């Protein structure tokens, strides 16, 4: 699993980290039942505060994507399979939006409205 964050970005580090984990799940490089790196280890490797990592993990837990287990750390839930299935639908949606010459912003607005 390769995770990168950009300290110069306007997006908070914990959100970047959560998005990176989601992306890894969507690409199926992290699967249900797999453990994520320990918060302290990940913080050290990214040179960020451990509380930033824990906040990202809590966000992912609140979304149901991971479970935080005492003694076992962060474990990807079965919901990862659902994320992967959703990911399979995206290329068709994007292709159709491009065919209609719909901008990414307009597509995102349609998704937000439907949601």
N, C-alpha and C. Protein backbone atom coordinates (compact mmCIF):
# COMPACT_ATOMS: atom_id res chain seq x y z
N UNK A 1 0.85 -1.17 0.00
CA UNK A 1 0.00 0.00 0.00
C UNK A 1 0.89 1.23 0.00
N UNK A 2 0.69 2.09 -0.97
CA UNK A 2 1.48 3.31 -1.10
C UNK A 2 0.60 4.50 -0.78
N UNK A 3 0.97 5.23 0.26
CA UNK A 3 0.19 6.39 0.68
C UNK A 3 1.10 7.61 0.67
N UNK A 4 0.58 8.67 0.09
CA UNK A 4 1.31 9.93 0.07
C UNK A 4 0.37 11.04 0.52
N UNK A 5 0.95 12.03 1.18
CA UNK A 5 0.21 13.23 1.55
C UNK A 5 1.04 14.44 1.14
N UNK A 6 0.37 15.55 0.92
CA UNK A 6 1.04 16.78 0.51
C UNK A 6 0.83 17.83 1.59
N UNK A 7 1.85 18.10 2.39
CA UNK A 7 1.70 19.08 3.47
C UNK A 7 1.38 20.49 2.96
N UNK A 8 1.69 20.78 1.70
CA UNK A 8 1.43 22.11 1.15
C UNK A 8 0.00 22.27 0.64
N UNK A 9 -0.74 21.18 0.58
CA UNK A 9 -2.11 21.22 0.06
C UNK A 9 -3.04 21.93 1.04
N UNK A 10 -4.12 22.49 0.49
CA UNK A 10 -5.12 23.14 1.33
C UNK A 10 -6.05 22.10 1.98
N UNK A 11 -5.99 20.87 1.50
CA UNK A 11 -6.79 19.78 2.07
C UNK A 11 -6.09 19.27 3.32
N UNK A 12 -6.81 19.18 4.44
CA UNK A 12 -6.18 18.72 5.68
C UNK A 12 -5.53 17.34 5.50
N UNK A 13 -4.43 17.13 6.20
CA UNK A 13 -3.68 15.88 6.08
C UNK A 13 -4.52 14.64 6.39
N UNK A 14 -5.37 14.74 7.42
CA UNK A 14 -6.17 13.56 7.77
C UNK A 14 -7.14 13.20 6.64
N UNK A 15 -7.66 14.21 5.93
CA UNK A 15 -8.56 13.95 4.81
C UNK A 15 -7.79 13.36 3.62
N UNK A 16 -6.57 13.85 3.40
CA UNK A 16 -5.73 13.29 2.34
C UNK A 16 -5.44 11.82 2.63
N UNK A 17 -5.12 11.54 3.87
CA UNK A 17 -4.79 10.18 4.27
C UNK A 17 -6.00 9.25 4.12
N UNK A 18 -7.17 9.70 4.57
CA UNK A 18 -8.38 8.90 4.43
C UNK A 18 -8.69 8.66 2.95
N UNK A 19 -8.53 9.68 2.13
CA UNK A 19 -8.78 9.54 0.69
C UNK A 19 -7.81 8.55 0.06
N UNK A 20 -6.56 8.56 0.52
CA UNK A 20 -5.56 7.63 -0.01
C UNK A 20 -5.92 6.20 0.35
N UNK A 21 -6.39 5.97 1.55
CA UNK A 21 -6.79 4.62 1.96
C UNK A 21 -8.01 4.18 1.15
N UNK A 22 -8.99 5.08 0.99
CA UNK A 22 -10.17 4.76 0.17
C UNK A 22 -9.74 4.37 -1.24
N UNK A 23 -8.81 5.12 -1.79
CA UNK A 23 -8.32 4.85 -3.14
C UNK A 23 -7.68 3.47 -3.23
N UNK A 24 -6.90 3.11 -2.23
CA UNK A 24 -6.27 1.79 -2.20
C UNK A 24 -7.34 0.69 -2.13
N UNK A 25 -8.40 0.95 -1.40
CA UNK A 25 -9.50 -0.01 -1.30
C UNK A 25 -10.20 -0.13 -2.65
N UNK A 26 -10.45 1.00 -3.31
CA UNK A 26 -11.12 0.98 -4.61
C UNK A 26 -10.31 0.24 -5.66
N UNK A 27 -8.98 0.38 -5.57
CA UNK A 27 -8.10 -0.32 -6.52
C UNK A 27 -7.86 -1.77 -6.11
N UNK A 28 -8.42 -2.14 -4.97
CA UNK A 28 -8.30 -3.48 -4.42
C UNK A 28 -6.87 -3.88 -4.09
N UNK A 29 -6.04 -2.89 -3.78
CA UNK A 29 -4.70 -3.23 -3.30
C UNK A 29 -4.73 -3.47 -1.79
N UNK A 30 -5.85 -3.11 -1.16
CA UNK A 30 -6.13 -3.46 0.24
C UNK A 30 -7.50 -4.11 0.24
N UNK A 31 -7.60 -5.27 0.83
CA UNK A 31 -8.85 -6.03 0.78
C UNK A 31 -9.43 -6.24 2.18
N UNK A 32 -10.67 -6.64 2.18
CA UNK A 32 -11.36 -6.93 3.44
C UNK A 32 -10.54 -7.90 4.28
N UNK A 33 -10.45 -7.59 5.57
CA UNK A 33 -9.72 -8.44 6.51
C UNK A 33 -8.26 -8.06 6.68
N UNK A 34 -7.73 -7.24 5.78
CA UNK A 34 -6.32 -6.85 5.90
C UNK A 34 -6.17 -5.74 6.93
N UNK A 35 -5.02 -5.79 7.59
CA UNK A 35 -4.70 -4.76 8.58
C UNK A 35 -4.00 -3.59 7.90
N UNK A 36 -4.34 -2.40 8.33
CA UNK A 36 -3.64 -1.20 7.90
C UNK A 36 -2.43 -1.02 8.81
N UNK A 37 -1.47 -0.24 8.38
CA UNK A 37 -0.31 0.00 9.24
C UNK A 37 -0.73 0.63 10.57
N UNK A 38 0.00 0.31 11.62
CA UNK A 38 -0.26 0.92 12.92
C UNK A 38 -0.13 2.44 12.79
N UNK A 39 -0.97 3.15 13.52
CA UNK A 39 -0.98 4.61 13.44
C UNK A 39 0.39 5.22 13.65
N UNK A 40 1.10 4.73 14.64
CA UNK A 40 2.42 5.28 14.95
C UNK A 40 3.40 5.02 13.80
N UNK A 41 3.36 3.83 13.23
CA UNK A 41 4.26 3.49 12.13
C UNK A 41 3.95 4.32 10.88
N UNK A 42 2.67 4.47 10.58
CA UNK A 42 2.28 5.24 9.40
C UNK A 42 2.64 6.72 9.59
N UNK A 43 2.41 7.24 10.77
CA UNK A 43 2.75 8.63 11.05
C UNK A 43 4.25 8.86 10.88
N UNK A 44 5.03 7.92 11.37
CA UNK A 44 6.48 8.04 11.26
C UNK A 44 6.93 7.99 9.79
N UNK A 45 6.34 7.07 9.02
CA UNK A 45 6.76 6.94 7.62
C UNK A 45 6.35 8.15 6.78
N UNK A 46 5.25 8.81 7.16
CA UNK A 46 4.79 9.99 6.41
C UNK A 46 5.29 11.29 7.01
N UNK A 47 5.96 11.18 8.16
CA UNK A 47 6.47 12.35 8.88
C UNK A 47 5.34 13.31 9.25
N UNK A 48 4.27 12.73 9.82
CA UNK A 48 3.15 13.51 10.31
C UNK A 48 2.84 13.07 11.73
N UNK A 49 1.97 13.80 12.39
CA UNK A 49 1.60 13.53 13.77
C UNK A 49 0.73 12.28 13.84
N UNK A 50 0.93 11.45 14.85
CA UNK A 50 0.16 10.22 15.01
C UNK A 50 -1.33 10.53 15.18
N UNK A 51 -1.67 11.67 15.77
CA UNK A 51 -3.07 12.04 15.95
C UNK A 51 -3.74 12.32 14.61
N UNK A 52 -2.98 12.77 13.65
CA UNK A 52 -3.50 12.99 12.30
C UNK A 52 -3.91 11.65 11.68
N UNK A 53 -3.07 10.65 11.83
CA UNK A 53 -3.36 9.31 11.32
C UNK A 53 -4.58 8.75 12.04
N UNK A 54 -4.62 8.88 13.36
CA UNK A 54 -5.74 8.36 14.12
C UNK A 54 -7.05 9.05 13.74
N UNK A 55 -6.99 10.34 13.44
CA UNK A 55 -8.19 11.05 13.01
C UNK A 55 -8.67 10.52 11.66
N UNK A 56 -7.75 10.25 10.75
CA UNK A 56 -8.11 9.66 9.45
C UNK A 56 -8.72 8.28 9.66
N UNK A 57 -8.13 7.48 10.52
CA UNK A 57 -8.65 6.15 10.81
C UNK A 57 -10.05 6.24 11.43
N UNK A 58 -10.27 7.22 12.30
CA UNK A 58 -11.59 7.38 12.91
C UNK A 58 -12.63 7.76 11.85
N UNK A 59 -12.23 8.60 10.90
CA UNK A 59 -13.13 8.98 9.81
C UNK A 59 -13.51 7.76 8.99
N UNK A 60 -12.52 6.93 8.67
CA UNK A 60 -12.78 5.71 7.91
C UNK A 60 -13.62 4.72 8.72
N UNK A 61 -13.42 4.70 10.02
CA UNK A 61 -14.25 3.85 10.90
C UNK A 61 -15.70 4.33 10.88
N UNK A 62 -15.89 5.64 10.95
CA UNK A 62 -17.24 6.21 10.93
C UNK A 62 -17.95 5.92 9.61
N UNK A 63 -17.19 5.78 8.53
CA UNK A 63 -17.75 5.43 7.22
C UNK A 63 -18.01 3.94 7.10
N UNK A 64 -17.52 3.17 8.06
CA UNK A 64 -17.70 1.73 8.03
C UNK A 64 -16.68 0.99 7.18
N UNK A 65 -15.65 1.68 6.74
CA UNK A 65 -14.65 1.06 5.88
C UNK A 65 -13.61 0.27 6.67
N UNK A 66 -13.33 0.70 7.90
CA UNK A 66 -12.39 -0.04 8.75
C UNK A 66 -13.00 -0.23 10.13
N UNK A 67 -12.47 -1.20 10.84
CA UNK A 67 -12.77 -1.39 12.25
C UNK A 67 -11.50 -1.11 13.03
N UNK A 68 -11.64 -0.46 14.15
CA UNK A 68 -10.49 -0.23 15.02
C UNK A 68 -10.62 -1.20 16.18
N UNK A 69 -9.70 -2.14 16.25
CA UNK A 69 -9.74 -3.18 17.27
C UNK A 69 -8.56 -3.04 18.21
N UNK A 70 -8.85 -3.03 19.46
CA UNK A 70 -7.79 -2.95 20.46
C UNK A 70 -6.88 -4.17 20.32
N UNK A 71 -5.61 -3.90 20.18
CA UNK A 71 -4.64 -4.97 20.06
C UNK A 71 -4.42 -5.47 18.64
N UNK A 72 -5.37 -5.17 17.74
CA UNK A 72 -5.23 -5.60 16.34
C UNK A 72 -5.07 -4.42 15.40
N UNK A 73 -5.42 -3.24 15.86
CA UNK A 73 -5.28 -2.06 15.02
C UNK A 73 -6.45 -1.87 14.08
N UNK A 74 -6.17 -1.25 12.93
CA UNK A 74 -7.19 -0.94 11.93
C UNK A 74 -7.28 -2.08 10.93
N UNK A 75 -8.49 -2.62 10.78
CA UNK A 75 -8.73 -3.76 9.88
C UNK A 75 -9.81 -3.35 8.88
N UNK A 76 -9.55 -3.61 7.61
CA UNK A 76 -10.50 -3.27 6.55
C UNK A 76 -11.72 -4.19 6.66
N UNK A 77 -12.91 -3.60 6.60
CA UNK A 77 -14.16 -4.36 6.75
C UNK A 77 -14.60 -4.96 5.41
N UNK A 78 -15.66 -5.75 5.47
CA UNK A 78 -16.24 -6.34 4.27
C UNK A 78 -16.81 -5.27 3.34
N UNK A 79 -17.02 -4.10 3.86
CA UNK A 79 -17.54 -3.00 3.04
C UNK A 79 -16.57 -2.66 1.91
N UNK A 80 -15.33 -3.05 2.03
CA UNK A 80 -14.33 -2.82 0.98
C UNK A 80 -14.79 -3.45 -0.33
N UNK A 81 -15.44 -4.60 -0.24
CA UNK A 81 -15.95 -5.26 -1.45
C UNK A 81 -17.01 -4.40 -2.13
N UNK A 82 -17.84 -3.75 -1.32
CA UNK A 82 -18.87 -2.87 -1.87
C UNK A 82 -18.25 -1.66 -2.54
N UNK A 83 -17.19 -1.13 -1.95
CA UNK A 83 -16.47 0.00 -2.56
C UNK A 83 -15.89 -0.42 -3.91
N UNK A 84 -15.33 -1.61 -3.96
CA UNK A 84 -14.73 -2.10 -5.20
C UNK A 84 -15.80 -2.29 -6.27
N UNK A 85 -16.98 -2.79 -5.88
CA UNK A 85 -18.07 -2.96 -6.84
C UNK A 85 -18.54 -1.61 -7.37
N UNK A 86 -18.61 -0.63 -6.50
CA UNK A 86 -18.98 0.72 -6.92
C UNK A 86 -17.94 1.29 -7.87
N UNK A 87 -16.70 1.02 -7.59
CA UNK A 87 -15.61 1.50 -8.43
C UNK A 87 -15.72 0.98 -9.85
N UNK A 88 -16.23 -0.23 -10.00
CA UNK A 88 -16.38 -0.83 -11.32
C UNK A 88 -17.40 -0.08 -12.18
N UNK A 89 -18.33 0.62 -11.53
CA UNK A 89 -19.35 1.37 -12.25
C UNK A 89 -18.86 2.74 -12.74
N UNK A 90 -17.83 3.25 -12.11
CA UNK A 90 -17.37 4.61 -12.41
C UNK A 90 -16.88 4.83 -13.84
N UNK A 91 -16.10 3.93 -14.43
CA UNK A 91 -15.64 4.18 -15.81
C UNK A 91 -16.78 4.38 -16.80
N UNK A 92 -17.85 3.60 -16.64
CA UNK A 92 -19.00 3.75 -17.53
C UNK A 92 -19.68 5.10 -17.32
N UNK A 93 -19.82 5.52 -16.08
CA UNK A 93 -20.43 6.80 -15.77
C UNK A 93 -19.60 7.95 -16.34
N UNK A 94 -18.30 7.90 -16.15
CA UNK A 94 -17.41 8.94 -16.65
C UNK A 94 -17.42 8.97 -18.17
N UNK A 95 -17.40 7.81 -18.80
CA UNK A 95 -17.43 7.75 -20.26
C UNK A 95 -18.71 8.38 -20.81
N UNK A 96 -19.82 8.10 -20.17
CA UNK A 96 -21.09 8.67 -20.62
C UNK A 96 -21.11 10.19 -20.41
N UNK A 97 -20.56 10.64 -19.30
CA UNK A 97 -20.49 12.09 -19.04
C UNK A 97 -19.62 12.78 -20.09
N UNK A 98 -18.51 12.14 -20.45
CA UNK A 98 -17.64 12.71 -21.49
C UNK A 98 -18.34 12.74 -22.84
N UNK A 99 -19.09 11.67 -23.14
CA UNK A 99 -19.82 11.61 -24.40
C UNK A 99 -20.82 12.77 -24.50
N UNK A 100 -21.40 13.12 -23.35
CA UNK A 100 -22.36 14.23 -23.30
C UNK A 100 -21.68 15.58 -23.11
N UNK A 101 -20.34 15.57 -23.08
CA UNK A 101 -19.55 16.78 -22.89
C UNK A 101 -19.91 17.48 -21.57
N UNK A 102 -20.11 16.69 -20.55
CA UNK A 102 -20.44 17.17 -19.22
C UNK A 102 -19.15 17.37 -18.43
N UNK A 103 -18.99 18.50 -17.83
CA UNK A 103 -17.77 18.78 -17.08
C UNK A 103 -17.73 17.95 -15.80
N UNK A 104 -16.53 17.72 -15.26
CA UNK A 104 -16.43 16.99 -13.98
C UNK A 104 -17.20 17.69 -12.86
N UNK A 105 -17.20 19.00 -12.88
CA UNK A 105 -17.93 19.75 -11.85
C UNK A 105 -19.43 19.51 -11.98
N UNK A 106 -19.92 19.51 -13.21
CA UNK A 106 -21.36 19.27 -13.43
C UNK A 106 -21.73 17.84 -13.05
N UNK A 107 -20.87 16.89 -13.38
CA UNK A 107 -21.12 15.49 -13.01
C UNK A 107 -21.16 15.34 -11.50
N UNK A 108 -20.22 15.96 -10.83
CA UNK A 108 -20.19 15.90 -9.36
C UNK A 108 -21.46 16.53 -8.77
N UNK A 109 -21.92 17.63 -9.37
CA UNK A 109 -23.14 18.27 -8.90
C UNK A 109 -24.35 17.35 -9.07
N UNK A 110 -24.41 16.65 -10.19
CA UNK A 110 -25.51 15.70 -10.42
C UNK A 110 -25.48 14.57 -9.39
N UNK A 111 -24.29 14.09 -9.10
CA UNK A 111 -24.16 13.02 -8.12
C UNK A 111 -24.59 13.52 -6.74
N UNK A 112 -24.12 14.72 -6.36
CA UNK A 112 -24.51 15.28 -5.07
C UNK A 112 -26.03 15.46 -4.98
N UNK A 113 -26.64 15.92 -6.05
CA UNK A 113 -28.09 16.14 -6.07
C UNK A 113 -28.84 14.81 -5.92
N UNK A 114 -28.38 13.80 -6.64
CA UNK A 114 -29.03 12.49 -6.57
C UNK A 114 -28.82 11.83 -5.22
N UNK A 115 -27.70 12.11 -4.59
CA UNK A 115 -27.36 11.51 -3.32
C UNK A 115 -28.23 12.08 -2.22
